[in-house]
Amino acid sequence: MILVTIFFLMLYAFLLFFYWQAWKKLKEFDCSPIHDHRFISVIIPARNEEKNISFLLDALSRQTYPKDFFEIIVIDDFSTDNTAEAVKNFPLSNLVLIQPDVLPHLSSKKKSIEAAIKKAKGELIVTTDADCIPTENWLKILHNFYIKNDAAFIAAPVKLLQNKTLLQIFQSLDFLTLQGITAASVSANFHTMCNGANLAYKKQAFENVNGFEGIDKIASGDDMLLMHKIWKEYSGKTFYLKNKDAIVVSQPMLSWKNFFMQRKRWASKTLVYEDSRIVIVLAFVYLLNCLFAALIIASLINHFYWWLVPGFWIMKTIIELPFLYSVSKFYNERRLVKFLFIFQPLHIFYTILVGFISQFGKYEWKGRKTK
């Protein structure tokens, strides 16, 4: 077991070193002026978001990108609150409210996005979530990056709001790591990864890969599964946009139950990834975390293995520290790094639990039970 532990930690160190180097190599995008304005359609799926949607719409009303060159399409996904009324009453001339053309029980986030893209006038589709807040230069930066790189698909940065509660610090730290891996993997063309809270893709690219066809039976995956389809069709046209002014701020989960439901939803698509590269990485990381649990069990049987438990804990933290610190500087979240060691066991067991239960049964999201 000692040799297995050393072997896994060495492989993990190599993987994290690779991510760290790819992150550092990725230069921040210089958003120099472009006078060739393309029309943008901002698509916002919304279900039961009456408390958040007005803040997002207010942020979109303040965009520095010319208002004549973008539209905002909010899809009310059969909300049971006053989301639709909040959108209808918001004073924006380029704002459109629609509803998916399906029966309520057949609706999903993918159906919402499809309904919006059918009506979208934009050459560039930009998606975010109803509980997010972008910077005032968000659309301008996405647009300029799209033009300069002739991009088919753009993954862009997201961060979580967080206060001093244990839950929000924990999920912010976890999310920060995921964002760093996203940037590193996409920029190095190592595997596809993104977050639907901050995406952009060419409408023609979406149509050329037949949208969500083939992945439409999977409840989640409107971001990563679509990204992989476009990546296969448009070689060299999938990018990560690294720019601090392009960061979208998203709301964290406010309860442990909702947090686990969210992560279960994210992990539920793991076994249907067509990108074998990310499946291999996820499987390795999952086994690495399981190894920690195995060491604890082994130490209860044979006290000789007790020293391996804190050793694993310390070494995993040391391996992750340079990468996480580098990413945290970009997101101005360096204060979170000090919690890495403390939260390490919790993160390991949460990874094991969510990875296992996500492949079985149903999960509930915004009042809708999904298989």
Protein backbone atom coordinates (compact mmCIF):
# COMPACT_ATOMS: atom_id res chain seq x y z
CA MET A 1 0.00 0.00 0.00
CA ILE A 2 2.95 2.30 0.61
CA LEU A 3 4.17 1.90 -2.98
CA VAL A 4 0.65 2.45 -4.33
CA THR A 5 0.32 5.65 -2.28
CA ILE A 6 3.68 6.96 -3.50
CA PHE A 7 2.84 6.08 -7.10
CA PHE A 8 -0.54 7.83 -7.02
CA LEU A 9 0.85 10.94 -5.34
CA MET A 10 3.66 11.15 -7.92
CA LEU A 11 1.17 10.94 -10.78
CA TYR A 12 -1.00 13.55 -9.09
CA ALA A 13 2.00 15.84 -8.65
CA PHE A 14 2.78 15.51 -12.36
CA LEU A 15 -0.85 16.29 -13.29
CA LEU A 16 -1.04 19.37 -11.05
CA PHE A 17 2.36 20.59 -12.27
CA PHE A 18 1.07 20.31 -15.83
CA TYR A 19 -2.05 22.33 -14.96
CA TRP A 20 0.06 24.91 -13.11
CA GLN A 21 2.40 25.41 -16.06
CA ALA A 22 -0.49 25.63 -18.54
CA TRP A 23 -2.21 28.21 -16.33
CA LYS A 24 0.95 30.34 -16.10
CA LYS A 25 1.57 30.06 -19.83
CA LEU A 26 -1.93 31.32 -20.64
CA LYS A 27 -1.62 35.08 -21.16
CA GLU A 28 -4.31 37.52 -20.12
CA PHE A 29 -6.24 38.81 -23.10
CA ASP A 30 -5.53 42.43 -24.03
CA CYS A 31 -8.88 43.90 -25.00
CA SER A 32 -7.76 46.53 -27.49
CA PRO A 33 -10.54 48.43 -29.33
CA ILE A 34 -12.35 46.85 -32.29
CA HIS A 35 -14.73 48.89 -34.40
CA ASP A 36 -16.33 45.94 -36.22
CA HIS A 37 -19.36 45.23 -34.03
CA ARG A 38 -21.13 41.88 -34.42
CA PHE A 39 -24.62 41.30 -33.05
CA ILE A 40 -24.72 39.31 -29.81
CA SER A 41 -27.60 37.35 -28.28
CA VAL A 42 -27.32 36.97 -24.51
CA ILE A 43 -29.30 33.91 -23.44
CA ILE A 44 -30.43 33.48 -19.84
CA PRO A 45 -32.35 30.34 -18.80
CA ALA A 46 -34.32 31.18 -15.65
CA ARG A 47 -36.37 29.02 -13.33
CA ASN A 48 -37.60 30.48 -10.04
CA GLU A 49 -35.12 33.36 -10.10
CA GLU A 50 -37.30 36.33 -9.09
CA LYS A 51 -34.82 37.26 -6.33
CA ASN A 52 -31.82 37.35 -8.68
CA ILE A 53 -32.88 38.17 -12.23
CA SER A 54 -33.23 41.93 -11.73
CA PHE A 55 -29.61 42.23 -10.54
CA LEU A 56 -28.40 40.49 -13.68
CA LEU A 57 -30.57 42.60 -15.96
CA ASP A 58 -29.32 45.75 -14.26
CA ALA A 59 -25.73 44.65 -14.91
CA LEU A 60 -26.57 43.99 -18.55
CA SER A 61 -28.16 47.43 -18.87
CA ARG A 62 -24.77 48.93 -17.92
CA GLN A 63 -22.71 47.13 -20.56
CA THR A 64 -20.18 49.22 -22.46
CA TYR A 65 -20.87 47.21 -25.61
CA PRO A 66 -23.26 49.22 -27.85
CA LYS A 67 -26.85 48.41 -26.93
CA ASP A 68 -27.89 48.41 -30.58
CA PHE A 69 -25.66 45.42 -31.13
CA PHE A 70 -26.97 42.97 -28.55
CA GLU A 71 -30.25 41.51 -27.34
CA ILE A 72 -31.13 39.79 -24.07
CA ILE A 73 -33.34 36.71 -24.25
CA VAL A 74 -34.63 35.43 -20.92
CA ILE A 75 -36.29 32.01 -21.04
CA ASP A 76 -38.77 31.55 -18.23
CA ASP A 77 -38.49 27.80 -17.69
CA PHE A 78 -41.96 27.32 -16.17
CA SER A 79 -41.14 29.22 -12.99
CA THR A 80 -43.51 28.86 -10.06
CA ASP A 81 -42.58 32.29 -8.67
CA ASN A 82 -42.68 35.81 -10.15
CA THR A 83 -39.63 35.48 -12.43
CA ALA A 84 -41.63 36.29 -15.57
CA GLU A 85 -43.20 39.39 -14.00
CA ALA A 86 -39.80 40.65 -12.85
CA VAL A 87 -38.49 40.39 -16.42
CA LYS A 88 -41.58 41.95 -17.99
CA ASN A 89 -41.38 44.93 -15.65
CA PHE A 90 -37.69 45.59 -16.22
CA PRO A 91 -37.17 48.69 -18.44
CA LEU A 92 -34.89 47.42 -21.23
CA SER A 93 -35.72 47.91 -24.89
CA ASN A 94 -33.51 45.02 -26.06
CA LEU A 95 -34.99 42.52 -23.61
CA VAL A 96 -37.13 39.58 -24.78
CA LEU A 97 -39.00 37.07 -22.59
CA ILE A 98 -39.95 33.67 -24.00
CA GLN A 99 -40.91 30.23 -22.73
CA PRO A 100 -39.82 26.81 -24.07
CA ASP A 101 -42.28 25.39 -26.61
CA VAL A 102 -42.65 22.09 -24.75
CA LEU A 103 -44.82 20.71 -21.98
CA PRO A 104 -43.60 21.74 -18.49
CA HIS A 105 -42.63 18.19 -17.48
CA LEU A 106 -40.53 17.83 -20.65
CA SER A 107 -38.62 21.03 -20.16
CA SER A 108 -34.95 21.33 -19.19
CA LYS A 109 -32.15 23.85 -19.39
CA LYS A 110 -31.21 22.53 -22.83
CA LYS A 111 -34.79 22.98 -24.08
CA SER A 112 -34.72 26.55 -22.78
CA ILE A 113 -31.48 27.35 -24.58
CA GLU A 114 -32.69 25.73 -27.80
CA ALA A 115 -35.86 27.83 -27.71
CA ALA A 116 -33.80 30.99 -27.31
CA ILE A 117 -31.30 30.16 -30.06
CA LYS A 118 -34.16 29.62 -32.51
CA LYS A 119 -35.23 33.22 -31.90
CA ALA A 120 -31.73 34.67 -31.51
CA LYS A 121 -30.59 37.26 -34.05
CA GLY A 122 -26.99 37.26 -32.91
CA GLU A 123 -23.99 35.85 -34.71
CA LEU A 124 -22.49 35.20 -31.28
CA ILE A 125 -24.44 33.39 -28.56
CA VAL A 126 -23.47 34.30 -24.99
CA THR A 127 -24.91 32.36 -22.05
CA THR A 128 -24.98 33.05 -18.35
CA ASP A 129 -27.15 32.07 -15.40
CA ALA A 130 -29.90 34.17 -13.85
CA ASP A 131 -28.08 34.38 -10.50
CA CYS A 132 -24.88 35.82 -12.02
CA ILE A 133 -23.43 39.32 -12.26
CA PRO A 134 -21.00 40.25 -15.09
CA THR A 135 -18.73 43.29 -15.23
CA GLU A 136 -19.74 46.25 -17.38
CA ASN A 137 -17.09 45.31 -19.99
CA TRP A 138 -18.12 41.66 -20.17
CA LEU A 139 -19.75 41.65 -23.61
CA LYS A 140 -17.13 43.92 -25.12
CA ILE A 141 -14.32 41.59 -24.03
CA LEU A 142 -16.13 38.45 -25.23
CA HIS A 143 -16.88 40.11 -28.56
CA ASN A 144 -13.32 41.33 -29.12
CA PHE A 145 -11.85 37.96 -28.19
CA TYR A 146 -14.28 36.26 -30.56
CA ILE A 147 -13.29 38.53 -33.45
CA LYS A 148 -9.53 38.40 -32.86
CA ASN A 149 -9.44 34.61 -32.55
CA ASP A 150 -12.21 33.68 -34.99
CA ALA A 151 -13.49 31.51 -32.15
CA ALA A 152 -16.17 28.85 -32.43
CA PHE A 153 -16.43 28.35 -28.67
CA ILE A 154 -15.18 30.43 -25.73
CA ALA A 155 -15.01 29.32 -22.10
CA ALA A 156 -14.63 32.23 -19.69
CA PRO A 157 -13.98 32.73 -15.95
CA VAL A 158 -16.51 32.45 -13.13
CA LYS A 159 -16.12 33.03 -9.40
CA LEU A 160 -18.44 32.58 -6.45
CA LEU A 161 -19.55 35.20 -4.00
CA GLN A 162 -18.69 34.06 -0.52
CA ASN A 163 -18.90 35.19 3.05
CA LYS A 164 -17.21 33.75 6.12
CA THR A 165 -19.49 30.73 6.58
CA LEU A 166 -17.94 27.29 6.41
CA LEU A 167 -20.11 26.21 3.48
CA GLN A 168 -19.38 29.20 1.28
CA ILE A 169 -15.65 29.18 1.95
CA PHE A 170 -15.52 25.47 1.18
CA GLN A 171 -17.42 25.68 -2.09
CA SER A 172 -15.52 28.81 -3.19
CA LEU A 173 -12.23 27.00 -2.67
CA ASP A 174 -13.51 23.97 -4.56
CA PHE A 175 -14.86 26.13 -7.37
CA LEU A 176 -11.61 28.09 -7.63
CA THR A 177 -9.72 24.86 -8.25
CA LEU A 178 -12.22 23.82 -10.94
CA GLN A 179 -11.86 27.18 -12.67
CA GLY A 180 -8.08 26.91 -12.71
CA ILE A 181 -8.24 23.41 -14.17
CA THR A 182 -10.75 24.63 -16.76
CA ALA A 183 -8.44 27.38 -17.97
CA ALA A 184 -5.36 25.15 -17.98
CA SER A 185 -6.99 22.19 -19.73
CA VAL A 186 -8.71 24.23 -22.45
CA SER A 187 -5.70 26.43 -23.21
CA ALA A 188 -3.41 23.38 -23.43
CA ASN A 189 -6.02 21.41 -25.43
CA PHE A 190 -5.69 18.70 -22.78
CA HIS A 191 -9.42 18.11 -22.37
CA THR A 192 -12.66 20.09 -22.73
CA MET A 193 -14.14 21.79 -19.67
CA CYS A 194 -16.28 24.89 -19.05
CA ASN A 195 -19.08 26.41 -16.99
CA GLY A 196 -22.42 27.55 -18.45
CA ALA A 197 -22.39 30.71 -16.33
CA ASN A 198 -19.90 32.28 -18.75
CA LEU A 199 -19.83 30.87 -22.26
CA ALA A 200 -19.90 32.16 -25.82
CA TYR A 201 -20.17 30.28 -29.08
CA LYS A 202 -20.89 31.01 -32.69
CA LYS A 203 -24.54 30.41 -33.55
CA GLN A 204 -23.49 28.79 -36.80
CA ALA A 205 -21.27 26.38 -34.87
CA PHE A 206 -24.20 25.38 -32.66
CA GLU A 207 -26.33 24.73 -35.72
CA ASN A 208 -23.59 22.88 -37.59
CA VAL A 209 -23.21 20.33 -34.76
CA ASN A 210 -27.03 20.02 -34.56
CA GLY A 211 -27.16 21.70 -31.18
CA PHE A 212 -27.93 19.35 -28.32
CA GLU A 213 -28.91 16.45 -30.58
CA GLY A 214 -27.45 13.27 -29.16
CA ILE A 215 -27.01 14.76 -25.69
CA ASP A 216 -30.56 16.03 -25.22
CA LYS A 217 -31.64 13.07 -23.07
CA ILE A 218 -29.07 14.01 -20.43
CA ALA A 219 -30.45 16.56 -17.96
CA SER A 220 -27.19 18.45 -17.46
CA GLY A 221 -24.32 19.07 -19.88
CA ASP A 222 -25.60 22.11 -21.75
CA ASP A 223 -22.07 23.45 -21.37
CA MET A 224 -19.38 20.71 -21.39
CA LEU A 225 -21.14 18.21 -23.64
CA LEU A 226 -21.89 20.94 -26.17
CA MET A 227 -18.34 22.22 -25.91
CA HIS A 228 -16.96 18.80 -26.84
CA LYS A 229 -19.26 18.56 -29.88
CA ILE A 230 -18.05 21.91 -31.16
CA TRP A 231 -14.42 21.08 -30.28
CA LYS A 232 -14.59 17.98 -32.50
CA GLU A 233 -16.10 19.90 -35.41
CA TYR A 234 -13.95 23.06 -35.17
CA SER A 235 -10.35 22.05 -34.66
CA GLY A 236 -8.28 24.77 -33.03
CA LYS A 237 -11.25 27.10 -32.57
CA THR A 238 -12.05 26.37 -28.91
CA PHE A 239 -10.51 28.84 -26.45
CA TYR A 240 -10.34 29.96 -22.86
CA LEU A 241 -10.62 33.71 -22.27
CA LYS A 242 -8.37 34.81 -19.42
CA ASN A 243 -9.22 38.36 -18.46
CA LYS A 244 -10.16 39.72 -15.03
CA ASP A 245 -12.79 42.01 -16.49
CA ALA A 246 -14.48 39.00 -18.10
CA ILE A 247 -15.13 37.29 -14.75
CA VAL A 248 -18.78 36.58 -14.00
CA VAL A 249 -19.73 36.39 -10.33
CA SER A 250 -22.19 33.66 -9.40
CA GLN A 251 -24.23 32.99 -6.28
CA PRO A 252 -23.11 30.09 -4.07
CA MET A 253 -25.43 27.48 -2.68
CA LEU A 254 -26.86 28.57 0.68
CA SER A 255 -27.35 25.12 2.19
CA TRP A 256 -25.37 21.89 2.26
CA LYS A 257 -28.33 20.07 0.70
CA ASN A 258 -28.44 22.40 -2.31
CA PHE A 259 -24.66 22.29 -2.60
CA PHE A 260 -24.65 18.50 -2.82
CA MET A 261 -27.58 18.55 -5.25
CA GLN A 262 -25.71 20.99 -7.49
CA ARG A 263 -22.51 18.92 -7.44
CA LYS A 264 -24.51 15.73 -7.98
CA ARG A 265 -26.10 17.36 -11.03
CA TRP A 266 -22.69 18.38 -12.37
CA ALA A 267 -21.20 14.92 -11.81
CA SER A 268 -24.21 13.05 -13.21
CA LYS A 269 -22.94 13.46 -16.79
CA THR A 270 -19.51 11.92 -16.11
CA LEU A 271 -20.26 8.50 -17.62
CA VAL A 272 -21.66 10.02 -20.83
CA TYR A 273 -18.65 12.19 -21.66
CA GLU A 274 -17.38 11.46 -25.15
CA ASP A 275 -14.11 13.15 -24.25
CA SER A 276 -12.15 10.15 -22.97
CA ARG A 277 -9.35 12.45 -21.81
CA ILE A 278 -11.40 14.06 -19.05
CA VAL A 279 -12.92 10.69 -18.09
CA ILE A 280 -9.42 9.33 -17.50
CA VAL A 281 -8.46 12.37 -15.41
CA LEU A 282 -11.66 12.21 -13.36
CA ALA A 283 -11.25 8.48 -12.77
CA PHE A 284 -7.67 8.93 -11.60
CA VAL A 285 -8.55 11.78 -9.23
CA TYR A 286 -11.49 9.78 -7.86
CA LEU A 287 -9.27 6.76 -7.18
CA LEU A 288 -6.70 9.02 -5.55
CA ASN A 289 -9.32 10.30 -3.12
CA CYS A 290 -10.57 6.76 -2.49
CA LEU A 291 -7.01 5.84 -1.58
CA PHE A 292 -7.18 8.21 1.39
CA ALA A 293 -10.27 6.40 2.69
CA ALA A 294 -8.52 3.06 2.11
CA LEU A 295 -5.55 4.26 4.16
CA ILE A 296 -7.81 5.14 7.07
CA ILE A 297 -9.42 1.69 6.94
CA ALA A 298 -6.01 0.01 6.70
CA SER A 299 -4.75 1.98 9.69
CA LEU A 300 -7.66 0.69 11.78
CA ILE A 301 -6.64 -2.86 10.93
CA ASN A 302 -2.89 -2.36 11.17
CA HIS A 303 -1.54 0.59 13.18
CA PHE A 304 1.57 0.60 11.01
CA TYR A 305 -0.39 2.54 8.37
CA TRP A 306 -1.41 5.36 10.71
CA TRP A 307 1.50 7.53 9.61
CA LEU A 308 0.37 7.30 5.96
CA VAL A 309 -2.90 9.10 6.71
CA PRO A 310 -1.41 12.45 7.80
CA GLY A 311 1.38 11.95 5.25
CA PHE A 312 -1.13 11.68 2.42
CA TRP A 313 -3.05 14.69 3.77
CA ILE A 314 0.09 16.84 3.92
CA MET A 315 1.51 15.74 0.56
CA LYS A 316 -1.76 16.27 -1.33
CA THR A 317 -1.96 19.79 0.10
CA ILE A 318 1.65 20.57 -0.85
CA ILE A 319 1.07 19.29 -4.39
CA GLU A 320 -2.03 21.49 -4.87
CA LEU A 321 -0.71 24.62 -3.21
CA PRO A 322 1.37 26.24 -6.03
CA PHE A 323 -1.38 25.81 -8.61
CA LEU A 324 -4.17 27.01 -6.33
CA TYR A 325 -2.17 30.01 -5.14
CA SER A 326 -1.43 31.07 -8.72
CA VAL A 327 -5.11 30.80 -9.69
CA SER A 328 -6.26 32.58 -6.53
CA LYS A 329 -4.09 35.62 -7.39
CA PHE A 330 -5.93 36.05 -10.69
CA TYR A 331 -9.31 35.86 -8.95
CA ASN A 332 -8.15 38.06 -6.06
CA GLU A 333 -9.02 35.25 -3.63
CA ARG A 334 -5.64 34.51 -2.04
CA ARG A 335 -7.21 34.54 1.41
CA LEU A 336 -8.93 31.25 0.55
CA VAL A 337 -5.65 29.37 0.17
CA LYS A 338 -5.08 29.28 3.92
CA PHE A 339 -8.10 26.97 4.24
CA LEU A 340 -6.71 24.36 1.83
CA PHE A 341 -5.08 22.15 4.46
CA ILE A 342 -7.99 22.37 6.88
CA PHE A 343 -10.60 21.45 4.27
CA GLN A 344 -8.56 18.69 2.63
CA PRO A 345 -10.25 15.71 4.37
CA LEU A 346 -13.72 17.20 3.90
CA HIS A 347 -13.02 17.75 0.21
CA ILE A 348 -11.75 14.20 -0.21
CA PHE A 349 -14.82 12.59 1.34
CA TYR A 350 -17.20 14.95 -0.45
CA THR A 351 -15.56 13.98 -3.76
CA ILE A 352 -15.94 10.28 -3.00
CA LEU A 353 -19.57 10.65 -1.91
CA VAL A 354 -20.75 12.89 -4.76
CA GLY A 355 -18.86 10.87 -7.37
CA PHE A 356 -20.63 7.71 -6.21
CA ILE A 357 -24.19 8.90 -5.63
CA SER A 358 -24.27 11.02 -8.81
CA GLN A 359 -24.44 7.87 -10.93
CA PHE A 360 -27.55 6.55 -9.22
CA GLY A 361 -31.13 7.69 -8.76
CA LYS A 362 -32.50 11.20 -9.23
CA TYR A 363 -31.63 14.66 -8.04
CA GLU A 364 -33.83 17.64 -7.31
CA TRP A 365 -33.00 21.05 -8.78
CA LYS A 366 -35.15 24.14 -8.37
CA GLY A 367 -38.21 22.10 -7.52
CA ARG A 368 -37.77 19.74 -10.48
CA LYS A 369 -36.76 16.11 -9.97
CA THR A 370 -34.46 14.91 -12.71
CA LYS A 371 -33.10 11.49 -13.48
